Amino acid sequence: MNDLLLRTLLLLLLVPFALAGCPSTGSSSDDDDAVDDDDAVDDDDAVDDDDAAPDVSFANDVAPMVFDNCNCHAAGSGGWSHDNDAATLYAAWVGTPRTAGDLNRIEPGNTDDSYVWHKIEGTQDSVDGSGSQMPLGGDPDYLPEDDRRMIADWIMAGAPDN
């Protein structure tokens, strides 16, 4: 079975889950409160090709960090599942359109066009997104700057499946 067919089948299987969304935390905040500017990765730094680290490994760095922090998506909640499997996560993220809107979940080489990046940074409203910042839980449980930097570097390096 070719990759395109597998991705299409995976997408069709995950769409019903995508409509469910992550459970609400019961609190809301405006965009100014979503991320403390001191903790955020600067957009200029996140998209600077000179800062991208091509040696970030998806299987050894990015996927384990996601598995440790993104519990909503471990078993299908929130619209898709990573099943604690790097290949499943990669297929669900890279080049895969988000449930609603024009952005892919991860657009290789471009954090600004990657919906997952906006969810991590708490800027999903700026791209017609919805829901809470990821991972669900709120400050101080959002990803530390080093983890956000690692994801940005991986995206900017072309989101390799390595």
N, C-alpha and C. Protein backbone atom coordinates (compact mmCIF):
# COMPACT_ATOMS: atom_id res chain seq x y z
N MET A 1 0.86 -1.18 0.00
CA MET A 1 0.00 0.00 0.00
C MET A 1 0.90 1.23 0.00
N ASN A 2 0.63 2.19 -0.86
CA ASN A 2 1.52 3.34 -0.95
C ASN A 2 1.26 4.35 0.17
N ASP A 3 2.22 5.27 0.35
CA ASP A 3 2.14 6.26 1.43
C ASP A 3 0.91 7.13 1.34
N LEU A 4 0.57 7.57 0.13
CA LEU A 4 -0.58 8.45 -0.03
C LEU A 4 -1.86 7.75 0.41
N LEU A 5 -2.03 6.50 0.04
CA LEU A 5 -3.21 5.75 0.43
C LEU A 5 -3.25 5.55 1.94
N LEU A 6 -2.09 5.22 2.53
CA LEU A 6 -2.03 5.06 3.99
C LEU A 6 -2.38 6.34 4.71
N ARG A 7 -1.83 7.45 4.25
CA ARG A 7 -2.12 8.74 4.89
C ARG A 7 -3.59 9.10 4.74
N THR A 8 -4.16 8.83 3.57
CA THR A 8 -5.57 9.13 3.34
C THR A 8 -6.44 8.29 4.27
N LEU A 9 -6.14 7.00 4.38
CA LEU A 9 -6.91 6.14 5.28
C LEU A 9 -6.77 6.59 6.72
N LEU A 10 -5.55 6.93 7.13
CA LEU A 10 -5.32 7.40 8.50
C LEU A 10 -6.12 8.67 8.76
N LEU A 11 -6.10 9.59 7.80
CA LEU A 11 -6.85 10.83 7.96
C LEU A 11 -8.34 10.56 8.08
N LEU A 12 -8.85 9.66 7.23
CA LEU A 12 -10.28 9.33 7.29
C LEU A 12 -10.66 8.69 8.61
N LEU A 13 -9.77 7.90 9.17
CA LEU A 13 -10.05 7.27 10.46
C LEU A 13 -9.99 8.26 11.61
N LEU A 14 -9.16 9.30 11.48
CA LEU A 14 -8.97 10.24 12.58
C LEU A 14 -9.94 11.41 12.56
N VAL A 15 -10.57 11.69 11.42
CA VAL A 15 -11.47 12.85 11.33
C VAL A 15 -12.57 12.82 12.39
N PRO A 16 -13.26 11.68 12.63
CA PRO A 16 -14.30 11.71 13.67
C PRO A 16 -13.76 12.10 15.05
N PHE A 17 -12.54 11.66 15.35
CA PHE A 17 -11.95 12.05 16.63
C PHE A 17 -11.62 13.53 16.65
N ALA A 18 -11.26 14.08 15.50
CA ALA A 18 -10.88 15.48 15.42
C ALA A 18 -12.03 16.39 15.80
N LEU A 19 -13.24 15.94 15.54
CA LEU A 19 -14.39 16.77 15.84
C LEU A 19 -14.69 16.83 17.34
N ALA A 20 -14.14 15.89 18.10
CA ALA A 20 -14.40 15.82 19.54
C ALA A 20 -13.61 16.86 20.30
N GLY A 21 -12.33 17.07 19.99
CA GLY A 21 -11.49 18.05 20.66
C GLY A 21 -11.05 17.58 22.03
N CYS A 22 -10.04 18.26 22.59
CA CYS A 22 -9.58 17.99 23.94
C CYS A 22 -10.60 18.54 24.93
N PRO A 23 -10.71 17.94 26.10
CA PRO A 23 -11.62 18.47 27.09
C PRO A 23 -11.18 19.85 27.56
N SER A 24 -12.13 20.68 27.89
CA SER A 24 -11.83 22.02 28.35
C SER A 24 -11.27 21.98 29.77
N THR A 25 -10.39 22.93 30.05
CA THR A 25 -9.85 23.02 31.40
C THR A 25 -10.77 23.80 32.32
N GLY A 26 -11.80 24.41 31.73
CA GLY A 26 -12.73 25.17 32.54
C GLY A 26 -12.30 26.59 32.76
N SER A 27 -11.15 26.96 32.24
CA SER A 27 -10.70 28.33 32.38
C SER A 27 -10.45 28.89 31.00
N SER A 28 -10.52 30.18 30.91
CA SER A 28 -10.23 30.82 29.64
C SER A 28 -9.34 32.00 29.89
N SER A 29 -8.62 32.36 28.86
CA SER A 29 -7.77 33.53 28.96
C SER A 29 -7.64 34.14 27.59
N ASP A 30 -7.36 35.42 27.57
CA ASP A 30 -7.17 36.03 26.27
C ASP A 30 -5.75 35.74 25.78
N ASP A 31 -5.49 36.05 24.52
CA ASP A 31 -4.20 35.71 23.92
C ASP A 31 -3.04 36.32 24.68
N ASP A 32 -3.23 37.50 25.29
CA ASP A 32 -2.14 38.15 26.00
C ASP A 32 -1.69 37.33 27.21
N ASP A 33 -2.60 36.55 27.78
CA ASP A 33 -2.27 35.77 28.97
C ASP A 33 -1.82 34.35 28.64
N ALA A 34 -1.97 33.91 27.39
CA ALA A 34 -1.72 32.52 27.04
C ALA A 34 -0.27 32.11 27.27
N VAL A 35 0.66 32.96 26.95
CA VAL A 35 2.07 32.64 27.12
C VAL A 35 2.76 33.87 27.68
N ASP A 36 3.51 33.70 28.73
CA ASP A 36 4.31 34.77 29.27
C ASP A 36 5.42 35.07 28.27
N ASP A 37 5.55 36.34 27.86
CA ASP A 37 6.55 36.68 26.85
C ASP A 37 7.95 36.23 27.23
N ASP A 38 8.26 36.18 28.52
CA ASP A 38 9.59 35.76 28.94
C ASP A 38 9.81 34.28 28.66
N ASP A 39 8.73 33.49 28.63
CA ASP A 39 8.84 32.05 28.42
C ASP A 39 8.71 31.65 26.96
N ALA A 40 8.21 32.55 26.12
CA ALA A 40 7.94 32.20 24.73
C ALA A 40 9.21 32.18 23.90
N VAL A 41 9.22 31.32 22.90
CA VAL A 41 10.30 31.33 21.91
C VAL A 41 9.97 32.46 20.96
N ASP A 42 10.89 33.39 20.75
CA ASP A 42 10.65 34.49 19.85
C ASP A 42 10.37 33.97 18.45
N ASP A 43 9.34 34.54 17.78
CA ASP A 43 9.02 34.11 16.42
C ASP A 43 10.22 34.27 15.50
N ASP A 44 10.97 35.36 15.66
CA ASP A 44 12.14 35.56 14.80
C ASP A 44 13.16 34.47 15.01
N ASP A 45 13.35 34.05 16.26
CA ASP A 45 14.30 32.98 16.53
C ASP A 45 13.79 31.64 16.02
N ALA A 46 12.47 31.41 16.14
CA ALA A 46 11.91 30.12 15.78
C ALA A 46 11.98 29.85 14.29
N VAL A 47 11.97 30.89 13.48
CA VAL A 47 11.93 30.67 12.04
C VAL A 47 13.23 31.02 11.34
N ASP A 48 14.28 31.29 12.07
CA ASP A 48 15.57 31.63 11.49
C ASP A 48 16.28 30.36 11.07
N ASP A 49 16.46 30.17 9.76
CA ASP A 49 17.11 28.96 9.26
C ASP A 49 18.50 28.76 9.83
N ASP A 50 19.20 29.86 10.15
CA ASP A 50 20.55 29.73 10.70
C ASP A 50 20.53 29.06 12.07
N ASP A 51 19.40 29.19 12.80
CA ASP A 51 19.30 28.60 14.13
C ASP A 51 18.79 27.16 14.10
N ALA A 52 18.25 26.72 12.96
CA ALA A 52 17.68 25.38 12.88
C ALA A 52 18.76 24.33 13.12
N ALA A 53 18.39 23.33 13.89
CA ALA A 53 19.34 22.27 14.22
C ALA A 53 18.94 20.99 13.47
N PRO A 54 19.57 20.71 12.33
CA PRO A 54 19.18 19.54 11.56
C PRO A 54 19.46 18.23 12.28
N ASP A 55 20.21 18.28 13.36
CA ASP A 55 20.51 17.05 14.07
C ASP A 55 19.44 16.67 15.10
N VAL A 56 18.34 17.42 15.16
CA VAL A 56 17.23 17.03 16.02
C VAL A 56 16.58 15.80 15.40
N SER A 57 16.44 14.76 16.17
CA SER A 57 15.85 13.52 15.69
C SER A 57 14.38 13.46 16.07
N PHE A 58 13.54 13.18 15.10
CA PHE A 58 12.12 13.03 15.39
C PHE A 58 11.90 11.84 16.33
N ALA A 59 12.47 10.69 15.98
CA ALA A 59 12.24 9.47 16.76
C ALA A 59 12.87 9.51 18.14
N ASN A 60 14.04 10.15 18.26
CA ASN A 60 14.77 10.14 19.54
C ASN A 60 14.54 11.37 20.40
N ASP A 61 14.12 12.49 19.80
CA ASP A 61 13.96 13.74 20.55
C ASP A 61 12.52 14.23 20.59
N VAL A 62 11.94 14.48 19.42
CA VAL A 62 10.62 15.09 19.34
C VAL A 62 9.53 14.13 19.83
N ALA A 63 9.46 12.94 19.25
CA ALA A 63 8.38 12.00 19.61
C ALA A 63 8.37 11.67 21.10
N PRO A 64 9.51 11.32 21.73
CA PRO A 64 9.46 11.02 23.17
C PRO A 64 8.98 12.21 24.01
N MET A 65 9.36 13.44 23.60
CA MET A 65 8.90 14.62 24.33
C MET A 65 7.38 14.76 24.20
N VAL A 66 6.85 14.49 23.00
CA VAL A 66 5.40 14.54 22.80
C VAL A 66 4.71 13.47 23.65
N PHE A 67 5.24 12.27 23.63
CA PHE A 67 4.63 11.18 24.40
C PHE A 67 4.61 11.50 25.89
N ASP A 68 5.64 12.17 26.39
CA ASP A 68 5.72 12.51 27.81
C ASP A 68 4.78 13.64 28.20
N ASN A 69 4.36 14.47 27.22
CA ASN A 69 3.63 15.68 27.55
C ASN A 69 2.22 15.78 26.98
N CYS A 70 1.90 15.01 25.98
CA CYS A 70 0.64 15.18 25.27
C CYS A 70 -0.29 14.01 25.52
N ASN A 71 -0.82 13.95 26.71
CA ASN A 71 -1.65 12.82 27.12
C ASN A 71 -3.02 12.80 26.46
N CYS A 72 -3.55 13.95 26.07
CA CYS A 72 -4.87 13.98 25.41
C CYS A 72 -4.85 13.13 24.15
N HIS A 73 -3.72 13.13 23.46
CA HIS A 73 -3.65 12.47 22.17
C HIS A 73 -3.08 11.05 22.25
N ALA A 74 -2.85 10.54 23.43
CA ALA A 74 -2.26 9.21 23.56
C ALA A 74 -3.23 8.12 23.13
N ALA A 75 -4.52 8.36 23.28
CA ALA A 75 -5.50 7.31 22.96
C ALA A 75 -6.66 7.83 22.12
N GLY A 76 -6.45 8.89 21.38
CA GLY A 76 -7.48 9.34 20.46
C GLY A 76 -8.25 10.57 20.86
N SER A 77 -8.06 11.07 22.06
CA SER A 77 -8.75 12.28 22.46
C SER A 77 -8.15 13.47 21.73
N GLY A 78 -8.94 14.49 21.54
CA GLY A 78 -8.42 15.71 20.94
C GLY A 78 -8.33 15.66 19.43
N GLY A 79 -8.91 14.67 18.81
CA GLY A 79 -8.99 14.68 17.37
C GLY A 79 -8.09 13.71 16.65
N TRP A 80 -7.09 13.18 17.30
CA TRP A 80 -6.18 12.22 16.67
C TRP A 80 -5.41 11.52 17.76
N SER A 81 -4.73 10.45 17.39
CA SER A 81 -3.98 9.68 18.37
C SER A 81 -2.56 9.44 17.89
N HIS A 82 -1.63 9.55 18.82
CA HIS A 82 -0.25 9.18 18.47
C HIS A 82 0.08 7.76 18.93
N ASP A 83 -0.76 7.19 19.77
CA ASP A 83 -0.59 5.81 20.25
C ASP A 83 0.82 5.52 20.77
N ASN A 84 1.51 6.55 21.22
CA ASN A 84 2.89 6.39 21.71
C ASN A 84 3.78 5.68 20.69
N ASP A 85 3.55 5.99 19.41
CA ASP A 85 4.30 5.39 18.32
C ASP A 85 4.79 6.51 17.39
N ALA A 86 6.10 6.59 17.19
CA ALA A 86 6.68 7.68 16.41
C ALA A 86 6.15 7.72 14.98
N ALA A 87 6.00 6.57 14.33
CA ALA A 87 5.50 6.55 12.94
C ALA A 87 4.06 7.06 12.87
N THR A 88 3.24 6.69 13.84
CA THR A 88 1.85 7.16 13.88
C THR A 88 1.80 8.66 14.10
N LEU A 89 2.62 9.16 15.03
CA LEU A 89 2.68 10.59 15.29
C LEU A 89 3.13 11.34 14.06
N TYR A 90 4.17 10.88 13.41
CA TYR A 90 4.69 11.55 12.22
C TYR A 90 3.61 11.62 11.14
N ALA A 91 2.92 10.52 10.89
CA ALA A 91 1.87 10.50 9.87
C ALA A 91 0.71 11.43 10.22
N ALA A 92 0.40 11.55 11.51
CA ALA A 92 -0.70 12.41 11.94
C ALA A 92 -0.32 13.88 11.89
N TRP A 93 0.96 14.19 11.96
CA TRP A 93 1.42 15.58 12.03
C TRP A 93 1.90 16.13 10.69
N VAL A 94 2.86 15.52 10.09
CA VAL A 94 3.64 16.15 9.02
C VAL A 94 2.90 16.10 7.68
N GLY A 95 2.64 17.29 7.15
CA GLY A 95 1.96 17.41 5.88
C GLY A 95 0.48 17.04 5.94
N THR A 96 -0.04 16.86 7.14
CA THR A 96 -1.44 16.47 7.32
C THR A 96 -2.27 17.70 7.66
N PRO A 97 -3.33 17.96 6.89
CA PRO A 97 -4.16 19.14 7.19
C PRO A 97 -4.81 19.02 8.56
N ARG A 98 -4.91 20.14 9.24
CA ARG A 98 -5.66 20.13 10.49
C ARG A 98 -7.11 19.92 10.16
N THR A 99 -7.92 19.63 11.14
CA THR A 99 -9.32 19.28 10.92
C THR A 99 -10.09 20.39 10.23
N ALA A 100 -9.89 21.62 10.63
CA ALA A 100 -10.58 22.76 10.03
C ALA A 100 -9.56 23.85 9.77
N GLY A 101 -9.64 24.50 8.65
CA GLY A 101 -8.72 25.58 8.34
C GLY A 101 -7.74 25.18 7.26
N ASP A 102 -6.87 26.13 6.93
CA ASP A 102 -5.98 25.95 5.78
C ASP A 102 -4.60 25.41 6.13
N LEU A 103 -4.23 25.38 7.39
CA LEU A 103 -2.87 24.97 7.75
C LEU A 103 -2.75 23.46 7.91
N ASN A 104 -1.56 22.95 7.60
CA ASN A 104 -1.23 21.58 7.98
C ASN A 104 -0.88 21.58 9.46
N ARG A 105 -0.98 20.42 10.08
CA ARG A 105 -0.56 20.34 11.48
C ARG A 105 0.91 20.72 11.59
N ILE A 106 1.76 20.12 10.75
CA ILE A 106 3.16 20.53 10.66
C ILE A 106 3.46 20.77 9.18
N GLU A 107 3.92 21.97 8.87
CA GLU A 107 4.36 22.30 7.52
C GLU A 107 5.89 22.33 7.55
N PRO A 108 6.53 21.33 6.94
CA PRO A 108 7.99 21.25 6.99
C PRO A 108 8.64 22.56 6.53
N GLY A 109 9.59 23.04 7.36
CA GLY A 109 10.33 24.25 7.03
C GLY A 109 9.64 25.55 7.39
N ASN A 110 8.46 25.50 8.03
CA ASN A 110 7.73 26.74 8.27
C ASN A 110 6.89 26.65 9.55
N THR A 111 7.36 27.26 10.62
CA THR A 111 6.60 27.27 11.87
C THR A 111 5.33 28.11 11.75
N ASP A 112 5.39 29.21 10.98
CA ASP A 112 4.22 30.08 10.85
C ASP A 112 3.04 29.37 10.21
N ASP A 113 3.31 28.39 9.37
CA ASP A 113 2.24 27.65 8.69
C ASP A 113 2.00 26.28 9.32
N SER A 114 2.46 26.08 10.53
CA SER A 114 2.29 24.81 11.25
C SER A 114 1.33 25.02 12.42
N TYR A 115 0.13 24.42 12.31
CA TYR A 115 -0.89 24.62 13.34
C TYR A 115 -0.45 24.10 14.71
N VAL A 116 0.25 22.98 14.74
CA VAL A 116 0.73 22.46 16.03
C VAL A 116 1.63 23.49 16.71
N TRP A 117 2.46 24.16 15.94
CA TRP A 117 3.33 25.19 16.52
C TRP A 117 2.49 26.29 17.15
N HIS A 118 1.44 26.73 16.47
CA HIS A 118 0.57 27.77 17.03
C HIS A 118 -0.10 27.28 18.31
N LYS A 119 -0.51 26.01 18.36
CA LYS A 119 -1.13 25.46 19.57
C LYS A 119 -0.11 25.43 20.72
N ILE A 120 1.13 25.09 20.42
CA ILE A 120 2.18 25.05 21.45
C ILE A 120 2.47 26.46 21.97
N GLU A 121 2.49 27.42 21.07
CA GLU A 121 2.79 28.80 21.45
C GLU A 121 1.58 29.54 22.00
N GLY A 122 0.39 28.97 21.87
CA GLY A 122 -0.82 29.64 22.36
C GLY A 122 -1.33 30.71 21.41
N THR A 123 -0.93 30.65 20.14
CA THR A 123 -1.33 31.65 19.15
C THR A 123 -2.33 31.08 18.15
N GLN A 124 -3.01 29.98 18.49
CA GLN A 124 -3.93 29.34 17.57
C GLN A 124 -5.07 30.25 17.13
N ASP A 125 -5.48 31.19 17.98
CA ASP A 125 -6.55 32.12 17.60
C ASP A 125 -6.13 32.99 16.42
N SER A 126 -4.84 33.26 16.28
CA SER A 126 -4.36 34.12 15.19
C SER A 126 -4.44 33.44 13.83
N VAL A 127 -4.67 32.12 13.81
CA VAL A 127 -4.80 31.38 12.55
C VAL A 127 -6.16 30.67 12.49
N ASP A 128 -7.16 31.32 13.10
CA ASP A 128 -8.52 30.79 13.13
C ASP A 128 -8.59 29.42 13.78
N GLY A 129 -7.75 29.20 14.78
CA GLY A 129 -7.77 27.95 15.52
C GLY A 129 -8.68 28.06 16.72
N SER A 130 -8.68 27.02 17.51
CA SER A 130 -9.55 27.00 18.68
C SER A 130 -8.92 26.15 19.76
N GLY A 131 -9.60 26.08 20.88
CA GLY A 131 -9.15 25.25 21.98
C GLY A 131 -8.05 25.88 22.80
N SER A 132 -7.48 25.07 23.65
CA SER A 132 -6.48 25.52 24.59
C SER A 132 -5.07 25.40 24.01
N GLN A 133 -4.15 26.12 24.66
CA GLN A 133 -2.74 25.96 24.34
C GLN A 133 -2.34 24.53 24.69
N MET A 134 -1.41 23.98 23.93
CA MET A 134 -0.93 22.62 24.20
C MET A 134 0.47 22.69 24.82
N PRO A 135 0.79 21.72 25.60
CA PRO A 135 -0.11 20.67 26.06
C PRO A 135 -1.10 21.21 27.10
N LEU A 136 -2.24 20.57 27.15
CA LEU A 136 -3.30 20.98 28.05
C LEU A 136 -2.81 20.95 29.49
N GLY A 137 -3.13 21.95 30.24
CA GLY A 137 -2.73 21.97 31.64
C GLY A 137 -2.39 23.36 32.13
N GLY A 138 -1.90 24.19 31.27
CA GLY A 138 -1.63 25.57 31.64
C GLY A 138 -0.32 25.78 32.36
N ASP A 139 0.05 27.03 32.47
CA ASP A 139 1.31 27.43 33.09
C ASP A 139 1.31 26.93 34.53
N PRO A 140 2.33 26.30 35.03
CA PRO A 140 3.66 26.13 34.44
C PRO A 140 3.82 24.83 33.66
N ASP A 141 2.73 24.17 33.31
CA ASP A 141 2.82 22.88 32.65
C ASP A 141 3.04 22.94 31.14
N TYR A 142 2.98 24.13 30.55
CA TYR A 142 3.28 24.23 29.12
C TYR A 142 4.73 23.84 28.91
N LEU A 143 5.07 23.54 27.69
CA LEU A 143 6.42 23.08 27.40
C LEU A 143 7.47 24.13 27.73
N PRO A 144 8.58 23.70 28.31
CA PRO A 144 9.67 24.63 28.56
C PRO A 144 10.27 25.13 27.25
N GLU A 145 10.97 26.24 27.32
CA GLU A 145 11.55 26.85 26.13
C GLU A 145 12.45 25.89 25.35
N ASP A 146 13.24 25.07 26.05
CA ASP A 146 14.13 24.13 25.34
C ASP A 146 13.34 23.14 24.49
N ASP A 147 12.21 22.66 25.00
CA ASP A 147 11.39 21.74 24.22
C ASP A 147 10.73 22.44 23.05
N ARG A 148 10.25 23.67 23.27
CA ARG A 148 9.66 24.43 22.17
C ARG A 148 10.72 24.72 21.10
N ARG A 149 11.91 25.06 21.54
CA ARG A 149 13.01 25.34 20.61
C ARG A 149 13.32 24.08 19.79
N MET A 150 13.34 22.92 20.43
CA MET A 150 13.63 21.68 19.73
C MET A 150 12.58 21.42 18.64
N ILE A 151 11.30 21.63 18.95
CA ILE A 151 10.25 21.42 17.96
C ILE A 151 10.39 22.43 16.83
N ALA A 152 10.64 23.69 17.16
CA ALA A 152 10.82 24.72 16.12
C ALA A 152 12.00 24.37 15.22
N ASP A 153 13.11 23.95 15.82
CA ASP A 153 14.29 23.58 15.04
C ASP A 153 14.00 22.41 14.11
N TRP A 154 13.27 21.43 14.62
CA TRP A 154 12.92 20.26 13.81
C TRP A 154 12.03 20.67 12.63
N ILE A 155 11.02 21.51 12.90
CA ILE A 155 10.14 21.97 11.83
C ILE A 155 10.95 22.74 10.79
N MET A 156 11.80 23.67 11.26
CA MET A 156 12.56 24.51 10.35
C MET A 156 13.60 23.71 9.55
N ALA A 157 14.03 22.58 10.08
CA ALA A 157 14.96 21.72 9.36
C ALA A 157 14.24 20.86 8.32
N GLY A 158 12.94 21.07 8.17
CA GLY A 158 12.18 20.33 7.17
C GLY A 158 11.37 19.19 7.75
N ALA A 159 11.27 19.12 9.08
CA ALA A 159 10.51 18.07 9.78
C ALA A 159 10.90 16.68 9.27
N PRO A 160 12.19 16.36 9.32
CA PRO A 160 12.62 15.06 8.79
C PRO A 160 12.09 13.89 9.62
N ASP A 161 11.85 12.80 8.95
CA ASP A 161 11.42 11.56 9.63
C ASP A 161 12.68 10.77 9.94
N ASN A 162 13.37 11.22 10.98
CA ASN A 162 14.65 10.59 11.34
C ASN A 162 14.67 10.10 12.77
